[in-house]
């Protein structure tokens, strides 16, 4: 958090997360303890849908931790529903290489 507050660019990006409405895609983030400041902002934000990329076996310990953390975010929302969706990162053509 200290690095974010001391960088105008990072601080602005961090603040803007709370104002996103609609949907957010998370591709390549494990939702670990290191990411909790970002997750809290998204949890309290205005978005309606959160799409989380899962890499590899969805039943692996790491992916189960990611899935459980995402579902905690969904359940923590008080004033507006947050719908969490998961997708396979291997089949998502995020960077347009298969098109």
N, C-alpha and C. Protein backbone atom coordinates (compact mmCIF):
# COMPACT_ATOMS: atom_id res chain seq x y z
N UNK A 1 0.82 -1.19 0.00
CA UNK A 1 0.00 0.00 0.00
C UNK A 1 0.86 1.25 0.00
N UNK A 2 1.99 1.22 0.69
CA UNK A 2 2.86 2.40 0.74
C UNK A 2 3.35 2.78 -0.65
N UNK A 3 3.71 1.77 -1.46
CA UNK A 3 4.16 2.06 -2.82
C UNK A 3 3.06 2.70 -3.65
N UNK A 4 1.84 2.25 -3.45
CA UNK A 4 0.70 2.81 -4.19
C UNK A 4 0.48 4.26 -3.80
N UNK A 5 0.54 4.56 -2.51
CA UNK A 5 0.28 5.92 -2.05
C UNK A 5 1.39 6.89 -2.43
N UNK A 6 2.58 6.38 -2.71
CA UNK A 6 3.69 7.25 -3.07
C UNK A 6 3.88 7.39 -4.59
N UNK A 7 3.03 6.76 -5.35
CA UNK A 7 3.08 6.87 -6.80
C UNK A 7 1.75 7.43 -7.29
N UNK A 8 1.79 8.59 -7.91
CA UNK A 8 0.56 9.22 -8.40
C UNK A 8 -0.17 8.30 -9.38
N UNK A 9 0.59 7.65 -10.25
CA UNK A 9 0.00 6.76 -11.25
C UNK A 9 -0.71 5.58 -10.58
N UNK A 10 -0.02 4.89 -9.68
CA UNK A 10 -0.61 3.73 -9.00
C UNK A 10 -1.78 4.15 -8.11
N UNK A 11 -1.66 5.29 -7.46
CA UNK A 11 -2.74 5.75 -6.58
C UNK A 11 -4.00 6.06 -7.38
N UNK A 12 -3.84 6.69 -8.51
CA UNK A 12 -5.00 6.99 -9.36
C UNK A 12 -5.64 5.70 -9.89
N UNK A 13 -4.82 4.76 -10.32
CA UNK A 13 -5.34 3.48 -10.81
C UNK A 13 -6.08 2.74 -9.69
N UNK A 14 -5.52 2.76 -8.51
CA UNK A 14 -6.14 2.10 -7.35
C UNK A 14 -7.50 2.72 -7.04
N UNK A 15 -7.56 4.05 -7.03
CA UNK A 15 -8.82 4.75 -6.74
C UNK A 15 -9.86 4.48 -7.82
N UNK A 16 -9.43 4.38 -9.06
CA UNK A 16 -10.38 4.19 -10.16
C UNK A 16 -11.05 2.81 -10.12
N UNK A 17 -10.44 1.85 -9.47
CA UNK A 17 -11.05 0.51 -9.38
C UNK A 17 -12.42 0.56 -8.73
N UNK A 18 -12.60 1.42 -7.76
CA UNK A 18 -13.88 1.47 -7.03
C UNK A 18 -15.00 2.06 -7.87
N UNK A 19 -14.68 2.78 -8.93
CA UNK A 19 -15.73 3.42 -9.73
C UNK A 19 -16.13 2.61 -10.96
N UNK A 20 -15.47 1.49 -11.19
CA UNK A 20 -15.81 0.66 -12.35
C UNK A 20 -17.19 0.05 -12.16
N UNK A 21 -18.06 0.25 -13.14
CA UNK A 21 -19.37 -0.41 -13.12
C UNK A 21 -19.38 -1.40 -14.27
N UNK A 22 -20.33 -2.28 -14.28
CA UNK A 22 -20.37 -3.28 -15.33
C UNK A 22 -19.58 -4.50 -14.94
N UNK A 23 -18.51 -4.82 -15.69
CA UNK A 23 -17.74 -6.03 -15.38
C UNK A 23 -16.25 -5.77 -15.33
N UNK A 24 -15.59 -6.66 -14.61
CA UNK A 24 -14.13 -6.65 -14.50
C UNK A 24 -13.64 -8.06 -14.78
N UNK A 25 -12.57 -8.15 -15.57
CA UNK A 25 -11.92 -9.43 -15.84
C UNK A 25 -10.59 -9.44 -15.11
N UNK A 26 -10.33 -10.51 -14.39
CA UNK A 26 -9.04 -10.70 -13.73
C UNK A 26 -8.37 -11.86 -14.44
N UNK A 27 -7.25 -11.56 -15.08
CA UNK A 27 -6.52 -12.56 -15.86
C UNK A 27 -5.08 -12.58 -15.35
N UNK A 28 -4.71 -13.64 -14.64
CA UNK A 28 -3.33 -13.76 -14.18
C UNK A 28 -3.09 -13.26 -12.77
N UNK A 29 -4.11 -13.19 -11.97
CA UNK A 29 -3.98 -12.77 -10.57
C UNK A 29 -4.57 -13.88 -9.71
N UNK A 30 -3.83 -14.31 -8.69
CA UNK A 30 -4.27 -15.47 -7.90
C UNK A 30 -5.18 -15.12 -6.73
N UNK A 31 -5.46 -13.85 -6.53
CA UNK A 31 -6.30 -13.40 -5.40
C UNK A 31 -5.69 -13.80 -4.06
N UNK A 32 -4.38 -13.76 -3.98
CA UNK A 32 -3.68 -14.16 -2.76
C UNK A 32 -3.67 -13.02 -1.74
N UNK A 33 -3.09 -13.29 -0.61
CA UNK A 33 -3.00 -12.31 0.48
C UNK A 33 -2.31 -11.03 0.01
N UNK A 34 -1.35 -11.15 -0.90
CA UNK A 34 -0.65 -9.96 -1.43
C UNK A 34 -1.57 -9.02 -2.19
N UNK A 35 -2.69 -9.54 -2.65
CA UNK A 35 -3.62 -8.77 -3.47
C UNK A 35 -4.81 -8.24 -2.68
N UNK A 36 -4.81 -8.40 -1.37
CA UNK A 36 -6.01 -8.10 -0.59
C UNK A 36 -6.45 -6.65 -0.69
N UNK A 37 -5.53 -5.71 -0.84
CA UNK A 37 -5.92 -4.30 -0.96
C UNK A 37 -6.72 -4.07 -2.25
N UNK A 38 -6.34 -4.74 -3.32
CA UNK A 38 -7.07 -4.63 -4.58
C UNK A 38 -8.42 -5.33 -4.47
N UNK A 39 -8.43 -6.48 -3.85
CA UNK A 39 -9.67 -7.25 -3.71
C UNK A 39 -10.69 -6.51 -2.87
N UNK A 40 -10.24 -5.84 -1.82
CA UNK A 40 -11.17 -5.07 -0.98
C UNK A 40 -11.82 -3.94 -1.76
N UNK A 41 -11.04 -3.27 -2.60
CA UNK A 41 -11.60 -2.19 -3.41
C UNK A 41 -12.63 -2.75 -4.39
N UNK A 42 -12.33 -3.85 -5.02
CA UNK A 42 -13.27 -4.47 -5.96
C UNK A 42 -14.51 -4.97 -5.23
N UNK A 43 -14.31 -5.52 -4.04
CA UNK A 43 -15.42 -6.02 -3.22
C UNK A 43 -16.42 -4.92 -2.90
N UNK A 44 -15.92 -3.75 -2.62
CA UNK A 44 -16.76 -2.62 -2.23
C UNK A 44 -17.20 -1.77 -3.41
N UNK A 45 -16.76 -2.13 -4.59
CA UNK A 45 -17.00 -1.32 -5.78
C UNK A 45 -18.41 -1.41 -6.32
N UNK A 46 -18.57 -0.90 -7.55
CA UNK A 46 -19.88 -0.79 -8.19
C UNK A 46 -20.12 -1.84 -9.28
N UNK A 47 -19.12 -2.62 -9.60
CA UNK A 47 -19.27 -3.58 -10.70
C UNK A 47 -20.31 -4.63 -10.38
N UNK A 48 -20.91 -5.16 -11.43
CA UNK A 48 -21.94 -6.18 -11.28
C UNK A 48 -21.40 -7.59 -11.51
N UNK A 49 -20.38 -7.70 -12.36
CA UNK A 49 -19.84 -9.01 -12.72
C UNK A 49 -18.33 -9.01 -12.60
N UNK A 50 -17.81 -10.06 -12.01
CA UNK A 50 -16.37 -10.26 -11.88
C UNK A 50 -16.02 -11.59 -12.52
N UNK A 51 -15.18 -11.54 -13.55
CA UNK A 51 -14.75 -12.74 -14.26
C UNK A 51 -13.32 -13.05 -13.85
N UNK A 52 -13.09 -14.27 -13.38
CA UNK A 52 -11.78 -14.65 -12.86
C UNK A 52 -11.23 -15.80 -13.69
N UNK A 53 -10.02 -15.59 -14.21
CA UNK A 53 -9.36 -16.63 -14.99
C UNK A 53 -8.77 -17.70 -14.10
N UNK A 54 -9.00 -18.94 -14.47
CA UNK A 54 -8.45 -20.09 -13.77
C UNK A 54 -7.49 -20.80 -14.73
N UNK A 55 -6.25 -20.97 -14.30
CA UNK A 55 -5.22 -21.61 -15.12
C UNK A 55 -4.99 -23.03 -14.64
N UNK A 56 -5.16 -23.99 -15.54
CA UNK A 56 -4.89 -25.38 -15.18
C UNK A 56 -6.07 -26.05 -14.50
N UNK A 57 -5.77 -27.01 -13.67
CA UNK A 57 -6.77 -27.83 -13.00
C UNK A 57 -7.56 -27.00 -11.99
N UNK A 58 -8.87 -26.84 -12.19
CA UNK A 58 -9.68 -26.06 -11.26
C UNK A 58 -9.70 -26.65 -9.85
N UNK A 59 -9.37 -27.94 -9.73
CA UNK A 59 -9.38 -28.59 -8.43
C UNK A 59 -8.04 -28.52 -7.70
N UNK A 60 -7.05 -27.89 -8.31
CA UNK A 60 -5.75 -27.77 -7.64
C UNK A 60 -5.90 -26.88 -6.40
N UNK A 61 -4.99 -27.04 -5.48
CA UNK A 61 -5.04 -26.28 -4.23
C UNK A 61 -5.02 -24.77 -4.49
N UNK A 62 -4.16 -24.34 -5.39
CA UNK A 62 -4.06 -22.91 -5.70
C UNK A 62 -5.35 -22.38 -6.31
N UNK A 63 -5.89 -23.10 -7.26
CA UNK A 63 -7.13 -22.65 -7.91
C UNK A 63 -8.31 -22.70 -6.96
N UNK A 64 -8.36 -23.69 -6.09
CA UNK A 64 -9.44 -23.74 -5.11
C UNK A 64 -9.37 -22.55 -4.17
N UNK A 65 -8.15 -22.14 -3.80
CA UNK A 65 -7.99 -20.95 -2.95
C UNK A 65 -8.48 -19.70 -3.69
N UNK A 66 -8.17 -19.60 -4.97
CA UNK A 66 -8.63 -18.47 -5.79
C UNK A 66 -10.15 -18.46 -5.88
N UNK A 67 -10.72 -19.61 -6.15
CA UNK A 67 -12.18 -19.72 -6.27
C UNK A 67 -12.86 -19.36 -4.95
N UNK A 68 -12.34 -19.89 -3.85
CA UNK A 68 -12.93 -19.60 -2.54
C UNK A 68 -12.84 -18.11 -2.20
N UNK A 69 -11.71 -17.48 -2.53
CA UNK A 69 -11.57 -16.04 -2.25
C UNK A 69 -12.54 -15.24 -3.09
N UNK A 70 -12.73 -15.62 -4.34
CA UNK A 70 -13.68 -14.92 -5.21
C UNK A 70 -15.10 -15.06 -4.69
N UNK A 71 -15.45 -16.24 -4.21
CA UNK A 71 -16.79 -16.44 -3.67
C UNK A 71 -17.00 -15.66 -2.38
N UNK A 72 -15.93 -15.48 -1.60
CA UNK A 72 -16.01 -14.62 -0.41
C UNK A 72 -16.33 -13.19 -0.82
N UNK A 73 -15.71 -12.74 -1.90
CA UNK A 73 -15.99 -11.39 -2.40
C UNK A 73 -17.45 -11.26 -2.79
N UNK A 74 -17.97 -12.28 -3.46
CA UNK A 74 -19.36 -12.27 -3.89
C UNK A 74 -20.30 -12.19 -2.68
N UNK A 75 -19.99 -12.95 -1.64
CA UNK A 75 -20.84 -12.97 -0.44
C UNK A 75 -20.68 -11.73 0.44
N UNK A 76 -19.57 -11.03 0.30
CA UNK A 76 -19.32 -9.85 1.12
C UNK A 76 -20.08 -8.62 0.64
N UNK A 77 -20.55 -8.64 -0.59
CA UNK A 77 -21.23 -7.49 -1.18
C UNK A 77 -22.54 -7.26 -0.45
N UNK A 78 -22.78 -6.05 0.01
CA UNK A 78 -23.96 -5.75 0.82
C UNK A 78 -25.08 -5.05 0.06
N UNK A 79 -24.75 -4.06 -0.75
CA UNK A 79 -25.78 -3.19 -1.32
C UNK A 79 -26.15 -3.53 -2.76
N UNK A 80 -25.29 -4.21 -3.43
CA UNK A 80 -25.50 -4.51 -4.84
C UNK A 80 -24.90 -5.88 -5.13
N UNK A 81 -25.62 -6.69 -5.86
CA UNK A 81 -25.12 -8.04 -6.15
C UNK A 81 -23.81 -7.99 -6.94
N UNK A 82 -22.94 -8.91 -6.61
CA UNK A 82 -21.73 -9.15 -7.38
C UNK A 82 -21.80 -10.59 -7.85
N UNK A 83 -21.82 -10.77 -9.15
CA UNK A 83 -21.88 -12.10 -9.74
C UNK A 83 -20.49 -12.50 -10.19
N UNK A 84 -19.96 -13.55 -9.59
CA UNK A 84 -18.61 -14.02 -9.91
C UNK A 84 -18.71 -15.16 -10.91
N UNK A 85 -17.88 -15.08 -11.95
CA UNK A 85 -17.83 -16.09 -13.00
C UNK A 85 -16.37 -16.53 -13.16
N UNK A 86 -16.17 -17.75 -13.56
CA UNK A 86 -14.81 -18.27 -13.78
C UNK A 86 -14.67 -18.69 -15.23
N UNK A 87 -13.46 -18.51 -15.77
CA UNK A 87 -13.20 -18.95 -17.14
C UNK A 87 -11.82 -19.59 -17.21
N UNK A 88 -11.63 -20.42 -18.20
CA UNK A 88 -10.37 -21.13 -18.42
C UNK A 88 -9.41 -20.21 -19.16
N UNK A 89 -8.31 -19.86 -18.53
CA UNK A 89 -7.37 -18.93 -19.16
C UNK A 89 -6.72 -19.52 -20.41
N UNK A 90 -6.62 -20.83 -20.48
CA UNK A 90 -6.00 -21.46 -21.65
C UNK A 90 -6.84 -21.28 -22.91
N UNK A 91 -8.15 -21.18 -22.76
CA UNK A 91 -9.01 -21.05 -23.93
C UNK A 91 -9.43 -19.61 -24.20
N UNK A 92 -9.12 -18.70 -23.30
CA UNK A 92 -9.47 -17.29 -23.49
C UNK A 92 -8.42 -16.63 -24.37
N UNK A 93 -8.83 -16.08 -25.47
CA UNK A 93 -7.91 -15.44 -26.42
C UNK A 93 -7.77 -13.95 -26.07
N UNK A 94 -7.27 -13.71 -24.88
CA UNK A 94 -7.20 -12.35 -24.35
C UNK A 94 -6.34 -11.43 -25.21
N UNK A 95 -5.23 -11.91 -25.68
CA UNK A 95 -4.30 -11.05 -26.42
C UNK A 95 -4.50 -11.13 -27.92
N UNK A 96 -5.54 -11.83 -28.40
CA UNK A 96 -5.86 -11.86 -29.82
C UNK A 96 -4.91 -12.66 -30.69
N UNK A 97 -4.22 -13.62 -30.13
CA UNK A 97 -3.26 -14.41 -30.90
C UNK A 97 -3.92 -15.47 -31.77
N UNK A 98 -5.14 -15.85 -31.42
CA UNK A 98 -5.82 -16.91 -32.18
C UNK A 98 -6.83 -16.36 -33.18
N UNK A 99 -6.91 -15.05 -33.30
CA UNK A 99 -7.93 -14.47 -34.14
C UNK A 99 -7.44 -14.05 -35.44
